[in-house]
Amino acid sequence: MAPGNHTHVTEFILMGVSGRPELQIPFFCVFLIVYGLTLAGNLGIVILTSVDSQLQTPMYFFLKHLAIINLGNSSVIAPKMLVNFLVAKKTISYYGCAAQLGGFLVFIVAEIFVLAAMAYDRYVAICSPLLYRAVVSPGICLLLMALIYSYSLTTALTVSSCVFSVSYCSSNVINHFYCDNVPLLALSCSDTYIPETAVFTFSGTNLFFSMIVVLTSYFNIILAILRIRSSEGRHKAFSTCASHMIAVTVFYGTLLFMYLQPRTNHSLDTDKMASVFYTLVIPVLNPLIYSLRNKDVKDALKRFLDNPCQLFQSV
């Protein structure tokens, strides 16, 4: 932290989702259920895509990592949030706050690019099916995930280092339920130009390039589907990417809602509600989206429930 005569902050106070005491227990119950469903749903996806031989394809490889990311993202936020609903002193240590911010950034950046990779996978499968095994081979999938995780970690370390390089003095009350960039920088008693620039640059760049991949992929997918003459063929092609299109729409819609708000209407309370959605609600929705609308996953779940031991033995 920058030198000075200020009393430097050693811990932060998280205001949480709501400051109203009568809502703490109801919120605790609601978010405990949401977090429990998130764990169950995403662990189920990870297990099924790991043990079922018919789900050993690139699409389900990326789906498994999306589930892992959703588990990580919600687990960075939810446990501390749930504890704070039950205690009077809603504090988090300085280094705990830095770790939470870093963890959140790792998983949110990884999710952005995994969704883009899944869109590209569907593009190759529908538009160039004969090249699919060569273009989206297991080796390329592993390399792509290694690059995504490496870049996410680099981004998280860079941005969180910038955010915590400034001084935090007398005020330590964060108007949020977890340690996030914007409410943290609002507390700084030193110049925040560099960290704000880093946050804006990384956020804008990541969102822009991932959306270019997603929009280009789905533009070509839609054109390819429209060229299919039979309605049965169009339905079959569309069904292979419908679940992912829903997940992408929900995720990017939430992020765009946050970033495209007019400055005059922008508030930390609005950011807080949007953050609840993409840190806690989307991770519980993704398993539902991919299981309820996906015949392969439903069939794999049925096989697993009928004979779980056989599936584990086949791994």
C-alpha atoms as a PDB file:
ATOM      1  CA  MET A   1       0.000   0.000   0.000  1.00  0.00           C
ATOM      2  CA  ALA A   2       1.077   3.571  -0.554  1.00  0.00           C
ATOM      3  CA  PRO A   3       2.961   5.252   2.280  1.00  0.00           C
ATOM      4  CA  GLY A   4       1.273   7.917   4.324  1.00  0.00           C
ATOM      5  CA  ASN A   5       0.021   8.917   7.758  1.00  0.00           C
ATOM      6  CA  HIS A   6      -3.409   7.319   7.278  1.00  0.00           C
ATOM      7  CA  THR A   7      -4.668   4.424   9.342  1.00  0.00           C
ATOM      8  CA  HIS A   8      -4.639   1.625   6.783  1.00  0.00           C
ATOM      9  CA  VAL A   9      -7.485  -0.846   6.532  1.00  0.00           C
ATOM     10  CA  THR A  10      -6.814  -4.380   7.788  1.00  0.00           C
ATOM     11  CA  GLU A  11     -10.338  -5.693   7.199  1.00  0.00           C
ATOM     12  CA  PHE A  12     -13.461  -4.800   5.265  1.00  0.00           C
ATOM     13  CA  ILE A  13     -17.153  -4.867   6.198  1.00  0.00           C
ATOM     14  CA  LEU A  14     -19.485  -6.373   3.590  1.00  0.00           C
ATOM     15  CA  MET A  15     -22.928  -4.756   3.601  1.00  0.00           C
ATOM     16  CA  GLY A  16     -24.440  -7.836   1.949  1.00  0.00           C
ATOM     17  CA  VAL A  17     -27.486  -8.182  -0.298  1.00  0.00           C
ATOM     18  CA  SER A  18     -29.677  -6.209   2.112  1.00  0.00           C
ATOM     19  CA  GLY A  19     -29.115  -4.301   5.332  1.00  0.00           C
ATOM     20  CA  ARG A  20     -32.592  -5.067   6.691  1.00  0.00           C
ATOM     21  CA  PRO A  21     -32.291  -7.404   9.742  1.00  0.00           C
ATOM     22  CA  GLU A  22     -35.660  -9.083   9.183  1.00  0.00           C
ATOM     23  CA  LEU A  23     -34.530 -10.322   5.743  1.00  0.00           C
ATOM     24  CA  GLN A  24     -31.267 -11.981   6.840  1.00  0.00           C
ATOM     25  CA  ILE A  25     -32.743 -15.389   7.777  1.00  0.00           C
ATOM     26  CA  PRO A  26     -35.077 -15.612   4.741  1.00  0.00           C
ATOM     27  CA  PHE A  27     -32.170 -14.672   2.451  1.00  0.00           C
ATOM     28  CA  PHE A  28     -29.959 -17.243   4.194  1.00  0.00           C
ATOM     29  CA  CYS A  29     -32.531 -19.989   3.534  1.00  0.00           C
ATOM     30  CA  VAL A  30     -33.037 -18.983  -0.100  1.00  0.00           C
ATOM     31  CA  PHE A  31     -29.337 -18.769  -0.947  1.00  0.00           C
ATOM     32  CA  LEU A  32     -28.512 -21.933   0.995  1.00  0.00           C
ATOM     33  CA  ILE A  33     -30.990 -23.801  -1.209  1.00  0.00           C
ATOM     34  CA  VAL A  34     -29.575 -22.119  -4.338  1.00  0.00           C
ATOM     35  CA  TYR A  35     -26.002 -23.015  -3.364  1.00  0.00           C
ATOM     36  CA  GLY A  36     -26.998 -26.596  -2.508  1.00  0.00           C
ATOM     37  CA  LEU A  37     -28.677 -27.003  -5.902  1.00  0.00           C
ATOM     38  CA  THR A  38     -25.612 -25.476  -7.578  1.00  0.00           C
ATOM     39  CA  LEU A  39     -23.328 -28.032  -5.917  1.00  0.00           C
ATOM     40  CA  ALA A  40     -25.624 -30.948  -6.697  1.00  0.00           C
ATOM     41  CA  GLY A  41     -26.318 -29.942 -10.312  1.00  0.00           C
ATOM     42  CA  ASN A  42     -22.771 -29.084 -11.342  1.00  0.00           C
ATOM     43  CA  LEU A  43     -21.206 -32.033  -9.514  1.00  0.00           C
ATOM     44  CA  GLY A  44     -23.745 -34.212 -11.309  1.00  0.00           C
ATOM     45  CA  ILE A  45     -22.651 -32.789 -14.684  1.00  0.00           C
ATOM     46  CA  VAL A  46     -18.959 -33.322 -13.813  1.00  0.00           C
ATOM     47  CA  ILE A  47     -19.564 -36.927 -12.736  1.00  0.00           C
ATOM     48  CA  LEU A  48     -21.753 -37.834 -15.731  1.00  0.00           C
ATOM     49  CA  THR A  49     -19.386 -36.324 -18.303  1.00  0.00           C
ATOM     50  CA  SER A  50     -16.445 -38.066 -16.629  1.00  0.00           C
ATOM     51  CA  VAL A  51     -17.855 -41.602 -16.272  1.00  0.00           C
ATOM     52  CA  ASP A  52     -20.334 -42.047 -19.149  1.00  0.00           C
ATOM     53  CA  SER A  53     -18.645 -43.358 -22.307  1.00  0.00           C
ATOM     54  CA  GLN A  54     -21.229 -41.735 -24.583  1.00  0.00           C
ATOM     55  CA  LEU A  55     -20.435 -38.269 -23.245  1.00  0.00           C
ATOM     56  CA  GLN A  56     -16.722 -38.392 -24.125  1.00  0.00           C
ATOM     57  CA  THR A  57     -16.954 -35.763 -26.876  1.00  0.00           C
ATOM     58  CA  PRO A  58     -15.564 -32.209 -27.134  1.00  0.00           C
ATOM     59  CA  MET A  59     -18.985 -30.671 -26.420  1.00  0.00           C
ATOM     60  CA  TYR A  60     -19.284 -32.507 -23.102  1.00  0.00           C
ATOM     61  CA  PHE A  61     -15.606 -31.941 -22.332  1.00  0.00           C
ATOM     62  CA  PHE A  62     -16.290 -28.190 -22.392  1.00  0.00           C
ATOM     63  CA  LEU A  63     -19.566 -28.683 -20.511  1.00  0.00           C
ATOM     64  CA  LYS A  64     -17.653 -30.477 -17.738  1.00  0.00           C
ATOM     65  CA  HIS A  65     -15.260 -27.546 -17.413  1.00  0.00           C
ATOM     66  CA  LEU A  66     -18.162 -25.074 -17.446  1.00  0.00           C
ATOM     67  CA  ALA A  67     -19.627 -27.007 -14.507  1.00  0.00           C
ATOM     68  CA  ILE A  68     -16.260 -26.941 -12.694  1.00  0.00           C
ATOM     69  CA  ILE A  69     -16.059 -23.172 -13.259  1.00  0.00           C
ATOM     70  CA  ASN A  70     -19.624 -22.678 -12.000  1.00  0.00           C
ATOM     71  CA  LEU A  71     -18.755 -24.688  -8.875  1.00  0.00           C
ATOM     72  CA  GLY A  72     -15.662 -22.565  -8.295  1.00  0.00           C
ATOM     73  CA  ASN A  73     -17.358 -19.245  -8.956  1.00  0.00           C
ATOM     74  CA  SER A  74     -20.262 -19.888  -6.577  1.00  0.00           C
ATOM     75  CA  SER A  75     -17.987 -21.433  -3.927  1.00  0.00           C
ATOM     76  CA  VAL A  76     -15.760 -18.355  -3.869  1.00  0.00           C
ATOM     77  CA  ILE A  77     -18.790 -16.190  -3.058  1.00  0.00           C
ATOM     78  CA  ALA A  78     -21.564 -18.219  -1.389  1.00  0.00           C
ATOM     79  CA  PRO A  79     -19.974 -19.635   1.822  1.00  0.00           C
ATOM     80  CA  LYS A  80     -18.851 -16.219   3.119  1.00  0.00           C
ATOM     81  CA  MET A  81     -22.142 -14.682   2.017  1.00  0.00           C
ATOM     82  CA  LEU A  82     -24.148 -17.332   3.907  1.00  0.00           C
ATOM     83  CA  VAL A  83     -22.080 -16.873   7.067  1.00  0.00           C
ATOM     84  CA  ASN A  84     -22.608 -13.108   6.934  1.00  0.00           C
ATOM     85  CA  PHE A  85     -26.383 -13.579   6.936  1.00  0.00           C
ATOM     86  CA  LEU A  86     -26.075 -15.154  10.409  1.00  0.00           C
ATOM     87  CA  VAL A  87     -23.481 -12.945  12.142  1.00  0.00           C
ATOM     88  CA  ALA A  88     -23.604  -9.364  13.350  1.00  0.00           C
ATOM     89  CA  LYS A  89     -20.015  -8.545  12.353  1.00  0.00           C
ATOM     90  CA  LYS A  90     -19.879  -9.042   8.575  1.00  0.00           C
ATOM     91  CA  THR A  91     -16.134  -8.646   8.135  1.00  0.00           C
ATOM     92  CA  ILE A  92     -13.559 -10.101   5.769  1.00  0.00           C
ATOM     93  CA  SER A  93      -9.811  -9.670   6.212  1.00  0.00           C
ATOM     94  CA  TYR A  94      -7.753  -7.556   3.811  1.00  0.00           C
ATOM     95  CA  TYR A  95      -6.007 -10.601   2.350  1.00  0.00           C
ATOM     96  CA  GLY A  96      -9.219 -12.639   2.405  1.00  0.00           C
ATOM     97  CA  CYS A  97     -10.846  -9.913   0.336  1.00  0.00           C
ATOM     98  CA  ALA A  98      -7.941  -9.953  -2.140  1.00  0.00           C
ATOM     99  CA  ALA A  99      -8.177 -13.753  -2.412  1.00  0.00           C
ATOM    100  CA  GLN A 100     -11.939 -13.617  -2.972  1.00  0.00           C
ATOM    101  CA  LEU A 101     -11.581 -10.996  -5.706  1.00  0.00           C
ATOM    102  CA  GLY A 102      -8.818 -12.998  -7.385  1.00  0.00           C
ATOM    103  CA  GLY A 103     -10.815 -16.232  -7.244  1.00  0.00           C
ATOM    104  CA  PHE A 104     -13.926 -14.559  -8.619  1.00  0.00           C
ATOM    105  CA  LEU A 105     -11.955 -13.082 -11.539  1.00  0.00           C
ATOM    106  CA  VAL A 106     -10.345 -16.427 -12.395  1.00  0.00           C
ATOM    107  CA  PHE A 107     -13.688 -18.160 -12.734  1.00  0.00           C
ATOM    108  CA  ILE A 108     -15.690 -15.359 -14.386  1.00  0.00           C
ATOM    109  CA  VAL A 109     -13.022 -14.828 -17.087  1.00  0.00           C
ATOM    110  CA  ALA A 110     -12.749 -18.587 -17.628  1.00  0.00           C
ATOM    111  CA  GLU A 111     -16.538 -18.842 -18.017  1.00  0.00           C
ATOM    112  CA  ILE A 112     -16.568 -16.109 -20.660  1.00  0.00           C
ATOM    113  CA  PHE A 113     -14.057 -17.971 -22.825  1.00  0.00           C
ATOM    114  CA  VAL A 114     -15.406 -21.486 -22.199  1.00  0.00           C
ATOM    115  CA  LEU A 115     -18.785 -20.304 -23.493  1.00  0.00           C
ATOM    116  CA  ALA A 116     -16.984 -18.919 -26.567  1.00  0.00           C
ATOM    117  CA  ALA A 117     -15.145 -22.243 -27.043  1.00  0.00           C
ATOM    118  CA  MET A 118     -18.455 -24.121 -26.787  1.00  0.00           C
ATOM    119  CA  ALA A 119     -19.979 -21.843 -29.452  1.00  0.00           C
ATOM    120  CA  TYR A 120     -17.027 -22.517 -31.777  1.00  0.00           C
ATOM    121  CA  ASP A 121     -17.368 -26.270 -31.110  1.00  0.00           C
ATOM    122  CA  ARG A 122     -21.030 -26.148 -32.217  1.00  0.00           C
ATOM    123  CA  TYR A 123     -20.054 -24.073 -35.277  1.00  0.00           C
ATOM    124  CA  VAL A 124     -17.543 -26.685 -36.459  1.00  0.00           C
ATOM    125  CA  ALA A 125     -19.937 -29.568 -35.681  1.00  0.00           C
ATOM    126  CA  ILE A 126     -22.776 -28.065 -37.749  1.00  0.00           C
ATOM    127  CA  CYS A 127     -20.936 -26.135 -40.482  1.00  0.00           C
ATOM    128  CA  SER A 128     -17.922 -28.440 -41.062  1.00  0.00           C
ATOM    129  CA  PRO A 129     -18.914 -31.873 -39.736  1.00  0.00           C
ATOM    130  CA  LEU A 130     -16.337 -33.741 -41.859  1.00  0.00           C
ATOM    131  CA  LEU A 131     -13.517 -31.727 -40.273  1.00  0.00           C
ATOM    132  CA  TYR A 132     -14.904 -31.907 -36.741  1.00  0.00           C
ATOM    133  CA  ARG A 133     -12.645 -34.653 -35.370  1.00  0.00           C
ATOM    134  CA  ALA A 134      -9.534 -32.977 -36.795  1.00  0.00           C
ATOM    135  CA  VAL A 135     -10.374 -29.381 -35.808  1.00  0.00           C
ATOM    136  CA  VAL A 136     -11.770 -30.152 -32.341  1.00  0.00           C
ATOM    137  CA  SER A 137      -9.524 -33.064 -31.366  1.00  0.00           C
ATOM    138  CA  PRO A 138      -8.959 -34.084 -27.706  1.00  0.00           C
ATOM    139  CA  GLY A 139      -5.454 -32.589 -27.821  1.00  0.00           C
ATOM    140  CA  ILE A 140      -6.724 -29.240 -29.091  1.00  0.00           C
ATOM    141  CA  CYS A 141      -9.480 -29.220 -26.448  1.00  0.00           C
ATOM    142  CA  LEU A 142      -6.937 -29.801 -23.669  1.00  0.00           C
ATOM    143  CA  LEU A 143      -4.636 -27.095 -25.078  1.00  0.00           C
ATOM    144  CA  LEU A 144      -7.536 -24.648 -25.340  1.00  0.00           C
ATOM    145  CA  MET A 145      -8.607 -25.243 -21.731  1.00  0.00           C
ATOM    146  CA  ALA A 146      -5.008 -24.878 -20.530  1.00  0.00           C
ATOM    147  CA  LEU A 147      -4.778 -21.522 -22.342  1.00  0.00           C
ATOM    148  CA  ILE A 148      -8.133 -20.374 -20.919  1.00  0.00           C
ATOM    149  CA  TYR A 149      -7.159 -21.224 -17.336  1.00  0.00           C
ATOM    150  CA  SER A 150      -3.685 -19.671 -17.753  1.00  0.00           C
ATOM    151  CA  TYR A 151      -5.106 -16.465 -19.201  1.00  0.00           C
ATOM    152  CA  SER A 152      -7.806 -16.306 -16.512  1.00  0.00           C
ATOM    153  CA  LEU A 153      -5.208 -16.680 -13.765  1.00  0.00           C
ATOM    154  CA  THR A 154      -2.992 -14.015 -15.365  1.00  0.00           C
ATOM    155  CA  THR A 155      -5.938 -11.625 -15.660  1.00  0.00           C
ATOM    156  CA  ALA A 156      -6.999 -12.238 -12.060  1.00  0.00           C
ATOM    157  CA  LEU A 157      -3.493 -11.678 -10.695  1.00  0.00           C
ATOM    158  CA  THR A 158      -2.995  -8.512 -12.767  1.00  0.00           C
ATOM    159  CA  VAL A 159      -6.357  -6.882 -11.978  1.00  0.00           C
ATOM    160  CA  SER A 160      -6.469  -7.830  -8.284  1.00  0.00           C
ATOM    161  CA  SER A 161      -2.862  -6.624  -7.851  1.00  0.00           C
ATOM    162  CA  CYS A 162      -3.827  -3.280  -9.387  1.00  0.00           C
ATOM    163  CA  VAL A 163      -6.944  -2.975  -7.218  1.00  0.00           C
ATOM    164  CA  PHE A 164      -4.982  -3.713  -4.027  1.00  0.00           C
ATOM    165  CA  SER A 165      -1.993  -1.555  -4.979  1.00  0.00           C
ATOM    166  CA  VAL A 166      -3.926   1.580  -3.949  1.00  0.00           C
ATOM    167  CA  SER A 167      -4.405   2.739  -0.365  1.00  0.00           C
ATOM    168  CA  TYR A 168      -7.529   1.974   1.661  1.00  0.00           C
ATOM    169  CA  CYS A 169      -7.728   4.275   4.641  1.00  0.00           C
ATOM    170  CA  SER A 170     -10.530   5.195   7.029  1.00  0.00           C
ATOM    171  CA  SER A 171     -13.585   3.854   5.149  1.00  0.00           C
ATOM    172  CA  ASN A 172     -13.813   0.056   4.933  1.00  0.00           C
ATOM    173  CA  VAL A 173     -17.540  -0.588   4.320  1.00  0.00           C
ATOM    174  CA  ILE A 174     -18.060  -2.332   0.946  1.00  0.00           C
ATOM    175  CA  ASN A 175     -21.531  -1.821  -0.534  1.00  0.00           C
ATOM    176  CA  HIS A 176     -21.661  -5.385  -1.851  1.00  0.00           C
ATOM    177  CA  PHE A 177     -21.959  -9.013  -0.714  1.00  0.00           C
ATOM    178  CA  TYR A 178     -18.439  -9.905  -1.894  1.00  0.00           C
ATOM    179  CA  CYS A 179     -15.192  -8.126  -2.751  1.00  0.00           C
ATOM    180  CA  ASP A 180     -15.639  -6.699  -6.243  1.00  0.00           C
ATOM    181  CA  ASN A 181     -13.584  -4.166  -8.210  1.00  0.00           C
ATOM    182  CA  VAL A 182     -15.928  -1.191  -8.415  1.00  0.00           C
ATOM    183  CA  PRO A 183     -17.126  -0.983  -4.777  1.00  0.00           C
ATOM    184  CA  LEU A 184     -13.562  -1.587  -3.565  1.00  0.00           C
ATOM    185  CA  LEU A 185     -12.050   1.187  -5.666  1.00  0.00           C
ATOM    186  CA  ALA A 186     -14.816   3.530  -4.458  1.00  0.00           C
ATOM    187  CA  LEU A 187     -13.253   3.255  -0.961  1.00  0.00           C
ATOM    188  CA  SER A 188      -9.708   4.124  -1.990  1.00  0.00           C
ATOM    189  CA  CYS A 189      -8.074   7.250  -0.594  1.00  0.00           C
ATOM    190  CA  SER A 190      -5.470   7.392  -3.375  1.00  0.00           C
ATOM    191  CA  ASP A 191      -5.464   7.810  -7.154  1.00  0.00           C
ATOM    192  CA  THR A 192      -7.413   4.949  -8.801  1.00  0.00           C
ATOM    193  CA  TYR A 193      -6.687   5.790 -12.451  1.00  0.00           C
ATOM    194  CA  ILE A 194      -4.385   2.806 -13.089  1.00  0.00           C
ATOM    195  CA  PRO A 195      -6.586   0.102 -11.481  1.00  0.00           C
ATOM    196  CA  GLU A 196      -9.739   1.558 -13.055  1.00  0.00           C
ATOM    197  CA  THR A 197      -8.000   1.532 -16.459  1.00  0.00           C
ATOM    198  CA  ALA A 198      -6.871  -2.072 -15.903  1.00  0.00           C
ATOM    199  CA  VAL A 199     -10.379  -3.174 -14.896  1.00  0.00           C
ATOM    200  CA  PHE A 200     -11.982  -1.410 -17.861  1.00  0.00           C
ATOM    201  CA  THR A 201      -9.395  -2.672 -20.356  1.00  0.00           C
ATOM    202  CA  PHE A 202      -9.500  -6.315 -19.304  1.00  0.00           C
ATOM    203  CA  SER A 203     -13.307  -6.360 -18.911  1.00  0.00           C
ATOM    204  CA  GLY A 204     -13.943  -4.697 -22.261  1.00  0.00           C
ATOM    205  CA  THR A 205     -11.357  -6.764 -24.147  1.00  0.00           C
ATOM    206  CA  ASN A 206     -12.523 -10.080 -22.718  1.00  0.00           C
ATOM    207  CA  LEU A 207     -16.182  -9.337 -23.349  1.00  0.00           C
ATOM    208  CA  PHE A 208     -15.551  -8.000 -26.864  1.00  0.00           C
ATOM    209  CA  PHE A 209     -13.430 -10.884 -28.174  1.00  0.00           C
ATOM    210  CA  SER A 210     -15.537 -13.622 -26.591  1.00  0.00           C
ATOM    211  CA  MET A 211     -18.735 -12.084 -27.971  1.00  0.00           C
ATOM    212  CA  ILE A 212     -17.180 -11.821 -31.442  1.00  0.00           C
ATOM    213  CA  VAL A 213     -16.504 -15.577 -31.360  1.00  0.00           C
ATOM    214  CA  VAL A 214     -20.004 -16.364 -30.053  1.00  0.00           C
ATOM    215  CA  LEU A 215     -21.876 -14.071 -32.470  1.00  0.00           C
ATOM    216  CA  THR A 216     -19.814 -15.135 -35.506  1.00  0.00           C
ATOM    217  CA  SER A 217     -20.267 -18.814 -34.648  1.00  0.00           C
ATOM    218  CA  TYR A 218     -24.020 -18.556 -34.179  1.00  0.00           C
ATOM    219  CA  PHE A 219     -24.488 -16.340 -37.238  1.00  0.00           C
ATOM    220  CA  ASN A 220     -22.895 -19.065 -39.372  1.00  0.00           C
ATOM    221  CA  ILE A 221     -24.794 -21.797 -37.507  1.00  0.00           C
ATOM    222  CA  ILE A 222     -28.143 -20.090 -38.197  1.00  0.00           C
ATOM    223  CA  LEU A 223     -27.261 -19.664 -41.888  1.00  0.00           C
ATOM    224  CA  ALA A 224     -26.282 -23.343 -42.105  1.00  0.00           C
ATOM    225  CA  ILE A 225     -29.510 -24.459 -40.386  1.00  0.00           C
ATOM    226  CA  LEU A 226     -31.640 -22.300 -42.723  1.00  0.00           C
ATOM    227  CA  ARG A 227     -29.995 -23.996 -45.729  1.00  0.00           C
ATOM    228  CA  ILE A 228     -31.173 -27.414 -44.524  1.00  0.00           C
ATOM    229  CA  ARG A 229     -34.258 -28.334 -46.580  1.00  0.00           C
ATOM    230  CA  SER A 230     -36.000 -30.825 -44.315  1.00  0.00           C
ATOM    231  CA  SER A 231     -37.712 -29.590 -41.141  1.00  0.00           C
ATOM    232  CA  GLU A 232     -36.484 -32.704 -39.334  1.00  0.00           C
ATOM    233  CA  GLY A 233     -32.874 -31.897 -40.275  1.00  0.00           C
ATOM    234  CA  ARG A 234     -33.261 -28.278 -39.147  1.00  0.00           C
ATOM    235  CA  HIS A 235     -34.754 -29.399 -35.838  1.00  0.00           C
ATOM    236  CA  LYS A 236     -31.951 -31.913 -35.248  1.00  0.00           C
ATOM    237  CA  ALA A 237     -29.247 -29.343 -36.033  1.00  0.00           C
ATOM    238  CA  PHE A 238     -30.872 -26.690 -33.858  1.00  0.00           C
ATOM    239  CA  SER A 239     -31.342 -29.088 -30.934  1.00  0.00           C
ATOM    240  CA  THR A 240     -27.572 -29.698 -30.745  1.00  0.00           C
ATOM    241  CA  CYS A 241     -26.919 -26.042 -29.864  1.00  0.00           C
ATOM    242  CA  ALA A 242     -30.209 -24.877 -28.283  1.00  0.00           C
ATOM    243  CA  SER A 243     -29.057 -25.443 -24.693  1.00  0.00           C
ATOM    244  CA  HIS A 244     -25.848 -23.512 -25.256  1.00  0.00           C
ATOM    245  CA  MET A 245     -27.695 -20.649 -26.947  1.00  0.00           C
ATOM    246  CA  ILE A 246     -29.934 -20.294 -23.883  1.00  0.00           C
ATOM    247  CA  ALA A 247     -26.944 -20.360 -21.497  1.00  0.00           C
ATOM    248  CA  VAL A 248     -25.047 -17.795 -23.598  1.00  0.00           C
ATOM    249  CA  THR A 249     -28.076 -15.495 -23.836  1.00  0.00           C
ATOM    250  CA  VAL A 250     -28.625 -15.538 -20.066  1.00  0.00           C
ATOM    251  CA  PHE A 251     -24.933 -15.002 -19.225  1.00  0.00           C
ATOM    252  CA  TYR A 252     -24.075 -12.312 -21.770  1.00  0.00           C
ATOM    253  CA  GLY A 253     -27.439 -10.640 -21.300  1.00  0.00           C
ATOM    254  CA  THR A 254     -26.634 -10.122 -17.616  1.00  0.00           C
ATOM    255  CA  LEU A 255     -23.141  -8.771 -18.348  1.00  0.00           C
ATOM    256  CA  LEU A 256     -24.404  -6.429 -21.069  1.00  0.00           C
ATOM    257  CA  PHE A 257     -27.141  -5.186 -18.745  1.00  0.00           C
ATOM    258  CA  MET A 258     -24.410  -4.127 -16.315  1.00  0.00           C
ATOM    259  CA  TYR A 259     -21.968  -2.610 -18.802  1.00  0.00           C
ATOM    260  CA  LEU A 260     -24.432  -0.852 -21.137  1.00  0.00           C
ATOM    261  CA  GLN A 261     -26.406   1.010 -18.477  1.00  0.00           C
ATOM    262  CA  PRO A 262     -26.368   4.809 -18.872  1.00  0.00           C
ATOM    263  CA  ARG A 263     -24.065   6.425 -16.336  1.00  0.00           C
ATOM    264  CA  THR A 264     -26.972   8.437 -14.918  1.00  0.00           C
ATOM    265  CA  ASN A 265     -28.915   5.255 -14.077  1.00  0.00           C
ATOM    266  CA  HIS A 266     -25.916   3.228 -12.923  1.00  0.00           C
ATOM    267  CA  SER A 267     -25.730   2.340  -9.226  1.00  0.00           C
ATOM    268  CA  LEU A 268     -23.928  -0.112  -6.968  1.00  0.00           C
ATOM    269  CA  ASP A 269     -27.302  -1.511  -5.882  1.00  0.00           C
ATOM    270  CA  THR A 270     -28.101  -2.404  -9.509  1.00  0.00           C
ATOM    271  CA  ASP A 271     -24.655  -4.010  -9.875  1.00  0.00           C
ATOM    272  CA  LYS A 272     -25.331  -5.948  -6.690  1.00  0.00           C
ATOM    273  CA  MET A 273     -28.561  -7.447  -8.039  1.00  0.00           C
ATOM    274  CA  ALA A 274     -26.937  -8.316 -11.362  1.00  0.00           C
ATOM    275  CA  SER A 275     -24.012  -9.887  -9.473  1.00  0.00           C
ATOM    276  CA  VAL A 276     -26.422 -12.122  -7.540  1.00  0.00           C
ATOM    277  CA  PHE A 277     -27.667 -13.353 -10.891  1.00  0.00           C
ATOM    278  CA  TYR A 278     -24.351 -14.243 -12.549  1.00  0.00           C
ATOM    279  CA  THR A 279     -22.516 -15.456  -9.437  1.00  0.00           C
ATOM    280  CA  LEU A 280     -25.294 -17.519  -7.811  1.00  0.00           C
ATOM    281  CA  VAL A 281     -28.315 -17.906 -10.118  1.00  0.00           C
ATOM    282  CA  ILE A 282     -26.590 -18.730 -13.444  1.00  0.00           C
ATOM    283  CA  PRO A 283     -24.470 -21.531 -11.879  1.00  0.00           C
ATOM    284  CA  VAL A 284     -27.682 -23.237 -10.720  1.00  0.00           C
ATOM    285  CA  LEU A 285     -29.453 -22.627 -14.044  1.00  0.00           C
ATOM    286  CA  ASN A 286     -26.742 -24.093 -16.303  1.00  0.00           C
ATOM    287  CA  PRO A 287     -27.147 -27.723 -15.122  1.00  0.00           C
ATOM    288  CA  LEU A 288     -30.921 -27.386 -15.560  1.00  0.00           C
ATOM    289  CA  ILE A 289     -30.543 -25.908 -19.048  1.00  0.00           C
ATOM    290  CA  TYR A 290     -28.112 -28.605 -20.196  1.00  0.00           C
ATOM    291  CA  SER A 291     -29.986 -31.508 -18.601  1.00  0.00           C
ATOM    292  CA  LEU A 292     -33.624 -30.639 -19.289  1.00  0.00           C
ATOM    293  CA  ARG A 293     -33.003 -29.742 -22.950  1.00  0.00           C
ATOM    294  CA  ASN A 294     -30.328 -32.347 -23.704  1.00  0.00           C
ATOM    295  CA  LYS A 295     -31.332 -35.929 -24.529  1.00  0.00           C
ATOM    296  CA  ASP A 296     -27.759 -37.262 -24.183  1.00  0.00           C
ATOM    297  CA  VAL A 297     -27.434 -35.917 -20.638  1.00  0.00           C
ATOM    298  CA  LYS A 298     -30.886 -37.190 -19.651  1.00  0.00           C
ATOM    299  CA  ASP A 299     -30.059 -40.647 -21.052  1.00  0.00           C
ATOM    300  CA  ALA A 300     -26.694 -40.646 -19.253  1.00  0.00           C
ATOM    301  CA  LEU A 301     -28.400 -39.691 -15.986  1.00  0.00           C
ATOM    302  CA  LYS A 302     -30.890 -42.549 -16.442  1.00  0.00           C
ATOM    303  CA  ARG A 303     -28.049 -45.028 -17.078  1.00  0.00           C
ATOM    304  CA  PHE A 304     -26.202 -43.733 -14.029  1.00  0.00           C
ATOM    305  CA  LEU A 305     -29.235 -44.026 -11.759  1.00  0.00           C
ATOM    306  CA  ASP A 306     -30.025 -47.522 -13.096  1.00  0.00           C
ATOM    307  CA  ASN A 307     -26.511 -48.874 -12.562  1.00  0.00           C
ATOM    308  CA  PRO A 308     -23.970 -46.405 -11.087  1.00  0.00           C
ATOM    309  CA  CYS A 309     -21.393 -49.088 -10.275  1.00  0.00           C
ATOM    310  CA  GLN A 310     -21.162 -50.242 -13.889  1.00  0.00           C
ATOM    311  CA  LEU A 311     -20.461 -46.730 -15.135  1.00  0.00           C
ATOM    312  CA  PHE A 312     -17.686 -46.166 -12.584  1.00  0.00           C
ATOM    313  CA  GLN A 313     -16.135 -49.532 -13.460  1.00  0.00           C
ATOM    314  CA  SER A 314     -16.079 -48.608 -17.148  1.00  0.00           C
ATOM    315  CA  VAL A 315     -13.918 -45.541 -16.538  1.00  0.00           C
END
